[in-house]
Amino acid sequence: MGVSTAVKVGILSDTHGFLDSRIADIIRDCDYAIHAGDIMGAQVLEQLQPRNTVVAIAGNNDFPALWDRSEAAVVSALPKTAQLELPGGIIKVEHGHRFGAYPDHEQLRWDHAEARLIVYGHTHKRIIDRDAEPWVVNPGAAGRERTKGGPSCLVLDASETEWTIETVLFADSAVA
């Protein structure tokens, strides 16, 4: 019998130039990190140190005029969408702002039907929607702005046969 490879993925969004150090600690314990946009600074990406890859996409606040001038090449290189292939399926990532204030989960499912999981940000509202496939999640905000209770992220454990998602929510007092 073959050995099933399992991976751990830290999922975050909406740091707005500040990554809570407790979230950074969670990411260090993950194989991959996904940042679903509104990064607003290269230092945030530098603080994301999973064991393997960081997948980051641009949010509606990720363009050169809103970032430090010296980081124009970094922000300009961010894609609008991304995907990560894992044991058991594909994650599709987009910020969600193309839908306005509140992305429609059915539209996301329609647009990314090949995925097992869709990650979006933008609303700063933590959501794990498993009502239909693909699942749709929003990790909330991992910085200081509009955290709605405190900085948060999601942790996905993925194997060929099972995917589980845990919400990590910290107290509102941000740690530098």
N, C-alpha and C. Protein backbone atom coordinates (compact mmCIF):
# COMPACT_ATOMS: atom_id res chain seq x y z
N MET A 1 0.84 -1.19 0.00
CA MET A 1 0.00 0.00 0.00
C MET A 1 0.88 1.24 0.00
N GLY A 2 0.56 2.24 -0.83
CA GLY A 2 1.36 3.45 -0.95
C GLY A 2 1.19 4.38 0.24
N VAL A 3 2.16 5.21 0.43
CA VAL A 3 2.10 6.20 1.50
C VAL A 3 1.39 7.43 0.98
N SER A 4 0.39 7.88 1.70
CA SER A 4 -0.34 9.08 1.30
C SER A 4 0.42 10.31 1.76
N THR A 5 0.66 11.21 0.83
CA THR A 5 1.34 12.44 1.17
C THR A 5 0.31 13.47 1.60
N ALA A 6 0.51 14.04 2.76
CA ALA A 6 -0.37 15.10 3.26
C ALA A 6 0.43 16.38 3.35
N VAL A 7 -0.24 17.49 3.08
CA VAL A 7 0.41 18.80 3.18
C VAL A 7 -0.47 19.72 4.02
N LYS A 8 0.19 20.73 4.56
CA LYS A 8 -0.50 21.75 5.36
C LYS A 8 -0.34 23.08 4.64
N VAL A 9 -1.46 23.80 4.46
CA VAL A 9 -1.47 25.07 3.74
C VAL A 9 -2.03 26.17 4.64
N GLY A 10 -1.25 27.22 4.87
CA GLY A 10 -1.74 28.39 5.58
C GLY A 10 -2.37 29.35 4.58
N ILE A 11 -3.59 29.78 4.87
CA ILE A 11 -4.37 30.61 3.96
C ILE A 11 -4.68 31.94 4.66
N LEU A 12 -4.25 33.04 4.04
CA LEU A 12 -4.48 34.35 4.64
C LEU A 12 -4.81 35.37 3.57
N SER A 13 -5.25 36.53 4.02
CA SER A 13 -5.60 37.61 3.10
C SER A 13 -5.61 38.93 3.86
N ASP A 14 -5.69 40.00 3.11
CA ASP A 14 -5.97 41.33 3.64
C ASP A 14 -5.07 41.74 4.80
N THR A 15 -3.77 41.71 4.54
CA THR A 15 -2.81 42.17 5.53
C THR A 15 -2.65 43.69 5.51
N HIS A 16 -2.89 44.32 4.39
CA HIS A 16 -2.81 45.77 4.25
C HIS A 16 -1.51 46.33 4.83
N GLY A 17 -0.40 45.68 4.49
CA GLY A 17 0.92 46.18 4.86
C GLY A 17 1.42 45.74 6.22
N PHE A 18 0.65 44.95 6.96
CA PHE A 18 1.06 44.48 8.28
C PHE A 18 0.62 43.04 8.47
N LEU A 19 1.59 42.15 8.73
CA LEU A 19 1.28 40.75 9.02
C LEU A 19 1.44 40.52 10.52
N ASP A 20 0.37 40.12 11.17
CA ASP A 20 0.45 39.81 12.60
C ASP A 20 1.47 38.69 12.80
N SER A 21 2.37 38.86 13.74
CA SER A 21 3.45 37.90 13.95
C SER A 21 2.92 36.52 14.33
N ARG A 22 1.76 36.45 14.96
CA ARG A 22 1.18 35.15 15.32
C ARG A 22 0.74 34.39 14.07
N ILE A 23 0.28 35.11 13.07
CA ILE A 23 -0.07 34.49 11.79
C ILE A 23 1.21 34.01 11.11
N ALA A 24 2.26 34.82 11.13
CA ALA A 24 3.54 34.42 10.54
C ALA A 24 4.05 33.13 11.18
N ASP A 25 3.87 32.98 12.48
CA ASP A 25 4.28 31.75 13.17
C ASP A 25 3.51 30.54 12.67
N ILE A 26 2.22 30.71 12.44
CA ILE A 26 1.39 29.61 11.90
C ILE A 26 1.90 29.21 10.52
N ILE A 27 2.20 30.20 9.68
CA ILE A 27 2.66 29.94 8.31
C ILE A 27 3.98 29.16 8.30
N ARG A 28 4.87 29.47 9.24
CA ARG A 28 6.15 28.75 9.30
C ARG A 28 5.97 27.25 9.53
N ASP A 29 4.85 26.87 10.09
CA ASP A 29 4.57 25.45 10.35
C ASP A 29 3.83 24.79 9.18
N CYS A 30 3.67 25.51 8.08
CA CYS A 30 2.93 25.00 6.92
C CYS A 30 3.87 24.66 5.77
N ASP A 31 3.39 23.79 4.89
CA ASP A 31 4.15 23.47 3.68
C ASP A 31 4.03 24.58 2.63
N TYR A 32 2.84 25.18 2.55
CA TYR A 32 2.56 26.23 1.57
C TYR A 32 1.84 27.37 2.27
N ALA A 33 1.93 28.56 1.67
CA ALA A 33 1.14 29.71 2.12
C ALA A 33 0.42 30.29 0.91
N ILE A 34 -0.84 30.65 1.13
CA ILE A 34 -1.64 31.34 0.12
C ILE A 34 -2.03 32.69 0.69
N HIS A 35 -1.71 33.77 -0.05
CA HIS A 35 -2.16 35.11 0.33
C HIS A 35 -3.13 35.57 -0.74
N ALA A 36 -4.38 35.79 -0.36
CA ALA A 36 -5.45 36.11 -1.31
C ALA A 36 -5.63 37.60 -1.55
N GLY A 37 -4.54 38.37 -1.47
CA GLY A 37 -4.57 39.75 -1.92
C GLY A 37 -4.74 40.80 -0.84
N ASP A 38 -4.57 42.05 -1.28
CA ASP A 38 -4.44 43.22 -0.42
C ASP A 38 -3.27 43.01 0.55
N ILE A 39 -2.13 42.74 -0.07
CA ILE A 39 -0.86 42.50 0.63
C ILE A 39 -0.30 43.83 1.10
N MET A 40 -0.13 44.74 0.15
CA MET A 40 0.29 46.13 0.35
C MET A 40 1.69 46.30 0.92
N GLY A 41 2.61 45.41 0.58
CA GLY A 41 3.99 45.61 0.97
C GLY A 41 4.81 44.35 0.83
N ALA A 42 5.99 44.48 0.23
CA ALA A 42 6.87 43.33 0.03
C ALA A 42 7.30 42.71 1.36
N GLN A 43 7.38 43.52 2.43
CA GLN A 43 7.80 42.98 3.72
C GLN A 43 6.82 41.92 4.22
N VAL A 44 5.55 42.04 3.85
CA VAL A 44 4.56 41.01 4.23
C VAL A 44 4.93 39.69 3.56
N LEU A 45 5.21 39.75 2.26
CA LEU A 45 5.58 38.52 1.54
C LEU A 45 6.87 37.93 2.10
N GLU A 46 7.82 38.77 2.49
CA GLU A 46 9.08 38.29 3.05
C GLU A 46 8.87 37.58 4.39
N GLN A 47 7.86 37.99 5.13
CA GLN A 47 7.58 37.36 6.43
C GLN A 47 6.89 36.01 6.29
N LEU A 48 6.33 35.73 5.13
CA LEU A 48 5.67 34.45 4.89
C LEU A 48 6.74 33.42 4.56
N GLN A 49 6.99 32.51 5.48
CA GLN A 49 8.07 31.54 5.30
C GLN A 49 7.61 30.11 5.54
N PRO A 50 6.73 29.61 4.66
CA PRO A 50 6.37 28.20 4.77
C PRO A 50 7.55 27.33 4.34
N ARG A 51 7.41 26.03 4.51
CA ARG A 51 8.49 25.11 4.11
C ARG A 51 8.71 25.10 2.60
N ASN A 52 7.69 25.38 1.82
CA ASN A 52 7.81 25.37 0.36
C ASN A 52 7.43 26.73 -0.23
N THR A 53 6.37 26.77 -0.99
CA THR A 53 6.02 27.90 -1.84
C THR A 53 5.01 28.86 -1.21
N VAL A 54 5.16 30.14 -1.55
CA VAL A 54 4.14 31.15 -1.27
C VAL A 54 3.41 31.44 -2.57
N VAL A 55 2.09 31.33 -2.55
CA VAL A 55 1.25 31.69 -3.68
C VAL A 55 0.53 32.98 -3.27
N ALA A 56 0.79 34.07 -3.99
CA ALA A 56 0.18 35.35 -3.65
C ALA A 56 -0.42 35.98 -4.89
N ILE A 57 -1.57 36.60 -4.72
CA ILE A 57 -2.24 37.28 -5.83
C ILE A 57 -2.52 38.73 -5.45
N ALA A 58 -2.79 39.54 -6.45
CA ALA A 58 -3.08 40.96 -6.24
C ALA A 58 -4.52 41.17 -5.82
N GLY A 59 -4.72 42.03 -4.84
CA GLY A 59 -6.04 42.49 -4.46
C GLY A 59 -6.30 43.86 -5.06
N ASN A 60 -7.43 44.44 -4.74
CA ASN A 60 -7.78 45.74 -5.30
C ASN A 60 -6.88 46.86 -4.78
N ASN A 61 -6.11 46.63 -3.71
CA ASN A 61 -5.17 47.62 -3.20
C ASN A 61 -3.72 47.29 -3.54
N ASP A 62 -3.51 46.32 -4.40
CA ASP A 62 -2.15 45.91 -4.77
C ASP A 62 -1.82 46.40 -6.18
N PHE A 63 -1.40 47.67 -6.26
CA PHE A 63 -0.90 48.23 -7.50
C PHE A 63 0.14 49.28 -7.14
N PRO A 64 1.04 49.58 -8.07
CA PRO A 64 2.22 50.38 -7.74
C PRO A 64 1.96 51.69 -7.01
N ALA A 65 0.88 52.40 -7.31
CA ALA A 65 0.64 53.69 -6.67
C ALA A 65 0.39 53.59 -5.17
N LEU A 66 -0.04 52.43 -4.69
CA LEU A 66 -0.33 52.25 -3.26
C LEU A 66 0.80 51.56 -2.51
N TRP A 67 1.81 51.09 -3.20
CA TRP A 67 2.97 50.44 -2.56
C TRP A 67 4.14 51.42 -2.57
N ASP A 68 5.13 51.13 -1.77
CA ASP A 68 6.37 51.91 -1.81
C ASP A 68 6.93 51.87 -3.23
N ARG A 69 7.42 52.98 -3.70
CA ARG A 69 7.92 53.09 -5.08
C ARG A 69 8.98 52.03 -5.38
N SER A 70 9.82 51.71 -4.40
CA SER A 70 10.89 50.73 -4.61
C SER A 70 10.36 49.30 -4.80
N GLU A 71 9.08 49.10 -4.51
CA GLU A 71 8.49 47.76 -4.62
C GLU A 71 7.59 47.59 -5.85
N ALA A 72 7.71 48.52 -6.79
CA ALA A 72 6.84 48.50 -7.98
C ALA A 72 6.97 47.18 -8.75
N ALA A 73 8.17 46.65 -8.87
CA ALA A 73 8.36 45.39 -9.62
C ALA A 73 7.68 44.23 -8.91
N VAL A 74 7.71 44.23 -7.58
CA VAL A 74 7.09 43.14 -6.81
C VAL A 74 5.58 43.15 -7.01
N VAL A 75 4.96 44.31 -6.80
CA VAL A 75 3.51 44.38 -6.91
C VAL A 75 3.05 44.16 -8.35
N SER A 76 3.81 44.65 -9.31
CA SER A 76 3.44 44.47 -10.72
C SER A 76 3.51 43.01 -11.16
N ALA A 77 4.31 42.21 -10.47
CA ALA A 77 4.45 40.79 -10.82
C ALA A 77 3.35 39.92 -10.24
N LEU A 78 2.52 40.46 -9.35
CA LEU A 78 1.47 39.65 -8.73
C LEU A 78 0.37 39.35 -9.74
N PRO A 79 -0.01 38.08 -9.88
CA PRO A 79 -1.12 37.74 -10.79
C PRO A 79 -2.46 38.08 -10.14
N LYS A 80 -3.51 38.14 -10.95
CA LYS A 80 -4.86 38.40 -10.43
C LYS A 80 -5.50 37.14 -9.88
N THR A 81 -5.10 35.99 -10.41
CA THR A 81 -5.58 34.70 -9.91
C THR A 81 -4.41 33.73 -9.90
N ALA A 82 -4.57 32.66 -9.15
CA ALA A 82 -3.53 31.64 -9.09
C ALA A 82 -4.17 30.31 -8.74
N GLN A 83 -3.39 29.26 -8.89
CA GLN A 83 -3.85 27.95 -8.44
C GLN A 83 -2.70 27.19 -7.82
N LEU A 84 -3.06 26.28 -6.94
CA LEU A 84 -2.09 25.42 -6.27
C LEU A 84 -2.62 24.00 -6.35
N GLU A 85 -1.83 23.12 -6.95
CA GLU A 85 -2.20 21.71 -7.05
C GLU A 85 -1.67 20.98 -5.83
N LEU A 86 -2.57 20.27 -5.16
CA LEU A 86 -2.24 19.55 -3.93
C LEU A 86 -2.70 18.10 -4.05
N PRO A 87 -2.25 17.24 -3.15
CA PRO A 87 -2.83 15.90 -3.12
C PRO A 87 -4.35 16.01 -2.95
N GLY A 88 -5.10 15.41 -3.84
CA GLY A 88 -6.55 15.41 -3.73
C GLY A 88 -7.27 16.53 -4.43
N GLY A 89 -6.58 17.47 -5.05
CA GLY A 89 -7.30 18.53 -5.75
C GLY A 89 -6.54 19.81 -5.96
N ILE A 90 -7.26 20.78 -6.49
CA ILE A 90 -6.70 22.08 -6.87
C ILE A 90 -7.35 23.18 -6.03
N ILE A 91 -6.54 24.13 -5.60
CA ILE A 91 -7.05 25.35 -4.98
C ILE A 91 -6.95 26.47 -6.00
N LYS A 92 -8.02 27.21 -6.18
CA LYS A 92 -8.03 28.42 -7.01
C LYS A 92 -8.10 29.62 -6.08
N VAL A 93 -7.35 30.67 -6.41
CA VAL A 93 -7.25 31.84 -5.54
C VAL A 93 -7.54 33.10 -6.35
N GLU A 94 -8.41 33.94 -5.82
CA GLU A 94 -8.63 35.28 -6.36
C GLU A 94 -9.06 36.17 -5.20
N HIS A 95 -8.91 37.48 -5.38
CA HIS A 95 -9.24 38.39 -4.28
C HIS A 95 -10.75 38.53 -4.10
N GLY A 96 -11.50 38.51 -5.19
CA GLY A 96 -12.95 38.58 -5.10
C GLY A 96 -13.55 39.94 -5.37
N HIS A 97 -12.74 40.99 -5.49
CA HIS A 97 -13.27 42.33 -5.66
C HIS A 97 -13.99 42.56 -6.98
N ARG A 98 -13.78 41.68 -7.95
CA ARG A 98 -14.48 41.86 -9.23
C ARG A 98 -15.99 41.68 -9.08
N PHE A 99 -16.41 41.12 -7.93
CA PHE A 99 -17.83 40.91 -7.65
C PHE A 99 -18.45 42.04 -6.84
N GLY A 100 -17.67 43.06 -6.51
CA GLY A 100 -18.19 44.13 -5.66
C GLY A 100 -17.91 43.82 -4.19
N ALA A 101 -18.76 44.32 -3.32
CA ALA A 101 -18.52 44.22 -1.88
C ALA A 101 -18.57 42.77 -1.37
N TYR A 102 -19.48 41.97 -1.89
CA TYR A 102 -19.66 40.61 -1.38
C TYR A 102 -19.70 39.60 -2.52
N PRO A 103 -18.60 38.90 -2.73
CA PRO A 103 -18.55 37.90 -3.81
C PRO A 103 -19.63 36.83 -3.65
N ASP A 104 -20.23 36.48 -4.78
CA ASP A 104 -21.26 35.46 -4.82
C ASP A 104 -20.60 34.08 -4.93
N HIS A 105 -20.86 33.23 -3.95
CA HIS A 105 -20.20 31.93 -3.92
C HIS A 105 -20.59 31.05 -5.11
N GLU A 106 -21.82 31.16 -5.55
CA GLU A 106 -22.24 30.35 -6.70
C GLU A 106 -21.50 30.79 -7.96
N GLN A 107 -21.28 32.09 -8.12
CA GLN A 107 -20.51 32.58 -9.27
C GLN A 107 -19.07 32.11 -9.18
N LEU A 108 -18.47 32.16 -7.99
CA LEU A 108 -17.11 31.65 -7.81
C LEU A 108 -17.04 30.17 -8.17
N ARG A 109 -18.03 29.41 -7.73
CA ARG A 109 -18.06 27.97 -8.06
C ARG A 109 -18.18 27.75 -9.56
N TRP A 110 -18.99 28.55 -10.21
CA TRP A 110 -19.16 28.45 -11.66
C TRP A 110 -17.85 28.76 -12.38
N ASP A 111 -17.18 29.83 -11.93
CA ASP A 111 -15.94 30.26 -12.57
C ASP A 111 -14.78 29.30 -12.34
N HIS A 112 -14.80 28.59 -11.23
CA HIS A 112 -13.68 27.72 -10.85
C HIS A 112 -14.15 26.29 -10.57
N ALA A 113 -15.00 25.77 -11.45
CA ALA A 113 -15.62 24.45 -11.24
C ALA A 113 -14.60 23.32 -11.12
N GLU A 114 -13.41 23.48 -11.70
CA GLU A 114 -12.40 22.42 -11.65
C GLU A 114 -11.69 22.34 -10.31
N ALA A 115 -11.92 23.30 -9.45
CA ALA A 115 -11.23 23.35 -8.15
C ALA A 115 -11.92 22.45 -7.12
N ARG A 116 -11.18 22.12 -6.10
CA ARG A 116 -11.77 21.48 -4.91
C ARG A 116 -12.04 22.54 -3.84
N LEU A 117 -11.24 23.62 -3.90
CA LEU A 117 -11.37 24.70 -2.93
C LEU A 117 -11.10 26.03 -3.63
N ILE A 118 -11.92 27.03 -3.32
CA ILE A 118 -11.74 28.39 -3.84
C ILE A 118 -11.47 29.30 -2.65
N VAL A 119 -10.40 30.07 -2.76
CA VAL A 119 -10.02 31.01 -1.71
C VAL A 119 -10.19 32.42 -2.24
N TYR A 120 -10.85 33.27 -1.46
CA TYR A 120 -10.93 34.69 -1.80
C TYR A 120 -10.75 35.52 -0.53
N GLY A 121 -10.52 36.82 -0.70
CA GLY A 121 -10.36 37.74 0.41
C GLY A 121 -11.36 38.86 0.29
N HIS A 122 -10.89 40.09 0.36
CA HIS A 122 -11.62 41.33 0.09
C HIS A 122 -12.60 41.74 1.19
N THR A 123 -13.43 40.85 1.68
CA THR A 123 -14.48 41.23 2.63
C THR A 123 -13.99 41.31 4.08
N HIS A 124 -12.82 40.73 4.37
CA HIS A 124 -12.27 40.64 5.72
C HIS A 124 -13.17 39.79 6.62
N LYS A 125 -14.07 39.03 6.05
CA LYS A 125 -15.03 38.22 6.82
C LYS A 125 -14.67 36.74 6.67
N ARG A 126 -14.42 36.10 7.80
CA ARG A 126 -14.07 34.67 7.80
C ARG A 126 -15.28 33.83 7.38
N ILE A 127 -15.05 32.99 6.38
CA ILE A 127 -16.12 32.12 5.88
C ILE A 127 -15.52 30.78 5.49
N ILE A 128 -16.18 29.72 5.89
CA ILE A 128 -15.89 28.38 5.36
C ILE A 128 -17.24 27.84 4.87
N ASP A 129 -17.43 27.85 3.56
CA ASP A 129 -18.68 27.42 2.93
C ASP A 129 -18.45 26.04 2.29
N ARG A 130 -18.96 25.02 2.97
CA ARG A 130 -18.87 23.65 2.46
C ARG A 130 -20.23 23.15 1.97
N ASP A 131 -21.17 24.07 1.72
CA ASP A 131 -22.52 23.69 1.33
C ASP A 131 -22.58 23.01 -0.03
N ALA A 132 -21.60 23.29 -0.89
CA ALA A 132 -21.54 22.69 -2.22
C ALA A 132 -20.07 22.58 -2.60
N GLU A 133 -19.81 21.90 -3.70
CA GLU A 133 -18.44 21.79 -4.19
C GLU A 133 -18.29 22.64 -5.45
N PRO A 134 -17.14 23.27 -5.62
CA PRO A 134 -16.03 23.32 -4.68
C PRO A 134 -16.36 24.15 -3.44
N TRP A 135 -15.64 23.85 -2.35
CA TRP A 135 -15.78 24.65 -1.15
C TRP A 135 -15.29 26.06 -1.44
N VAL A 136 -15.84 27.05 -0.73
CA VAL A 136 -15.43 28.44 -0.87
C VAL A 136 -15.06 28.97 0.52
N VAL A 137 -13.86 29.54 0.63
CA VAL A 137 -13.42 30.05 1.93
C VAL A 137 -12.85 31.45 1.81
N ASN A 138 -12.96 32.17 2.92
CA ASN A 138 -12.33 33.47 3.08
C ASN A 138 -11.67 33.44 4.46
N PRO A 139 -10.35 33.67 4.52
CA PRO A 139 -9.67 33.56 5.81
C PRO A 139 -9.84 34.76 6.73
N GLY A 140 -10.53 35.82 6.30
CA GLY A 140 -10.60 37.03 7.09
C GLY A 140 -9.34 37.85 6.89
N ALA A 141 -9.06 38.77 7.81
CA ALA A 141 -7.91 39.66 7.69
C ALA A 141 -6.79 39.22 8.63
N ALA A 142 -5.56 39.16 8.09
CA ALA A 142 -4.41 38.70 8.87
C ALA A 142 -3.54 39.84 9.36
N GLY A 143 -4.01 41.07 9.21
CA GLY A 143 -3.24 42.24 9.65
C GLY A 143 -3.90 42.92 10.83
N ARG A 144 -4.05 44.25 10.72
CA ARG A 144 -4.69 45.03 11.79
C ARG A 144 -6.02 45.63 11.36
N GLU A 145 -6.24 45.78 10.07
CA GLU A 145 -7.40 46.52 9.58
C GLU A 145 -8.64 45.63 9.43
N ARG A 146 -9.71 46.08 10.07
CA ARG A 146 -11.02 45.43 9.93
C ARG A 146 -10.91 43.91 10.12
N THR A 147 -10.33 43.49 11.23
CA THR A 147 -10.15 42.06 11.48
C THR A 147 -11.41 41.37 11.96
N LYS A 148 -12.41 42.12 12.34
CA LYS A 148 -13.70 41.56 12.78
C LYS A 148 -13.51 40.54 13.90
N GLY A 149 -12.81 40.98 14.95
CA GLY A 149 -12.62 40.12 16.12
C GLY A 149 -11.17 39.79 16.40
N GLY A 150 -10.31 39.98 15.43
CA GLY A 150 -8.89 39.68 15.60
C GLY A 150 -8.31 39.12 14.32
N PRO A 151 -6.99 39.17 14.18
CA PRO A 151 -6.36 38.64 12.97
C PRO A 151 -6.60 37.14 12.86
N SER A 152 -6.80 36.69 11.63
CA SER A 152 -7.13 35.28 11.43
C SER A 152 -6.51 34.73 10.16
N CYS A 153 -6.48 33.42 10.11
CA CYS A 153 -6.09 32.69 8.91
C CYS A 153 -6.78 31.33 8.97
N LEU A 154 -6.64 30.59 7.91
CA LEU A 154 -7.14 29.21 7.86
C LEU A 154 -5.96 28.29 7.66
N VAL A 155 -6.08 27.07 8.14
CA VAL A 155 -5.07 26.04 7.90
C VAL A 155 -5.77 24.84 7.29
N LEU A 156 -5.34 24.49 6.08
CA LEU A 156 -5.87 23.34 5.35
C LEU A 156 -4.90 22.18 5.49
N ASP A 157 -5.40 21.04 5.92
CA ASP A 157 -4.64 19.79 5.86
C ASP A 157 -5.21 19.01 4.69
N ALA A 158 -4.35 18.71 3.71
CA ALA A 158 -4.82 18.08 2.48
C ALA A 158 -4.06 16.79 2.20
N SER A 159 -4.82 15.72 1.97
CA SER A 159 -4.25 14.46 1.50
C SER A 159 -5.06 14.04 0.29
N GLU A 160 -4.67 12.95 -0.33
CA GLU A 160 -5.42 12.45 -1.50
C GLU A 160 -6.88 12.17 -1.15
N THR A 161 -7.14 11.74 0.07
CA THR A 161 -8.48 11.27 0.43
C THR A 161 -9.28 12.23 1.31
N GLU A 162 -8.61 13.16 1.99
CA GLU A 162 -9.35 14.01 2.93
C GLU A 162 -8.74 15.41 3.01
N TRP A 163 -9.61 16.41 3.02
CA TRP A 163 -9.21 17.80 3.26
C TRP A 163 -9.98 18.30 4.47
N THR A 164 -9.26 18.90 5.42
CA THR A 164 -9.90 19.51 6.58
C THR A 164 -9.39 20.95 6.71
N ILE A 165 -10.25 21.83 7.19
CA ILE A 165 -9.90 23.24 7.34
C ILE A 165 -10.16 23.67 8.78
N GLU A 166 -9.17 24.36 9.34
CA GLU A 166 -9.26 24.89 10.70
C GLU A 166 -9.16 26.41 10.63
N THR A 167 -9.98 27.09 11.41
CA THR A 167 -9.89 28.54 11.54
C THR A 167 -8.97 28.87 12.71
N VAL A 168 -8.04 29.78 12.49
CA VAL A 168 -7.17 30.27 13.56
C VAL A 168 -7.50 31.75 13.74
N LEU A 169 -7.99 32.10 14.94
CA LEU A 169 -8.38 33.46 15.25
C LEU A 169 -7.65 33.89 16.52
N PHE A 170 -6.97 35.02 16.45
CA PHE A 170 -6.24 35.56 17.59
C PHE A 170 -6.99 36.74 18.19
N ALA A 171 -6.68 37.05 19.43
CA ALA A 171 -7.28 38.21 20.10
C ALA A 171 -6.93 39.48 19.32
N ASP A 172 -7.77 40.47 19.45
CA ASP A 172 -7.67 41.69 18.64
C ASP A 172 -6.40 42.51 18.85
N SER A 173 -5.72 42.37 19.96
CA SER A 173 -4.52 43.19 20.18
C SER A 173 -3.37 42.67 19.33
N ALA A 174 -3.05 43.40 18.28
CA ALA A 174 -2.02 42.96 17.33
C ALA A 174 -0.64 43.00 17.97
N VAL A 175 0.12 41.97 17.66
CA VAL A 175 1.49 41.87 18.13
C VAL A 175 2.40 42.24 16.97
N ALA A 176 3.40 43.07 17.22
CA ALA A 176 4.31 43.50 16.14
C ALA A 176 5.18 42.36 15.64
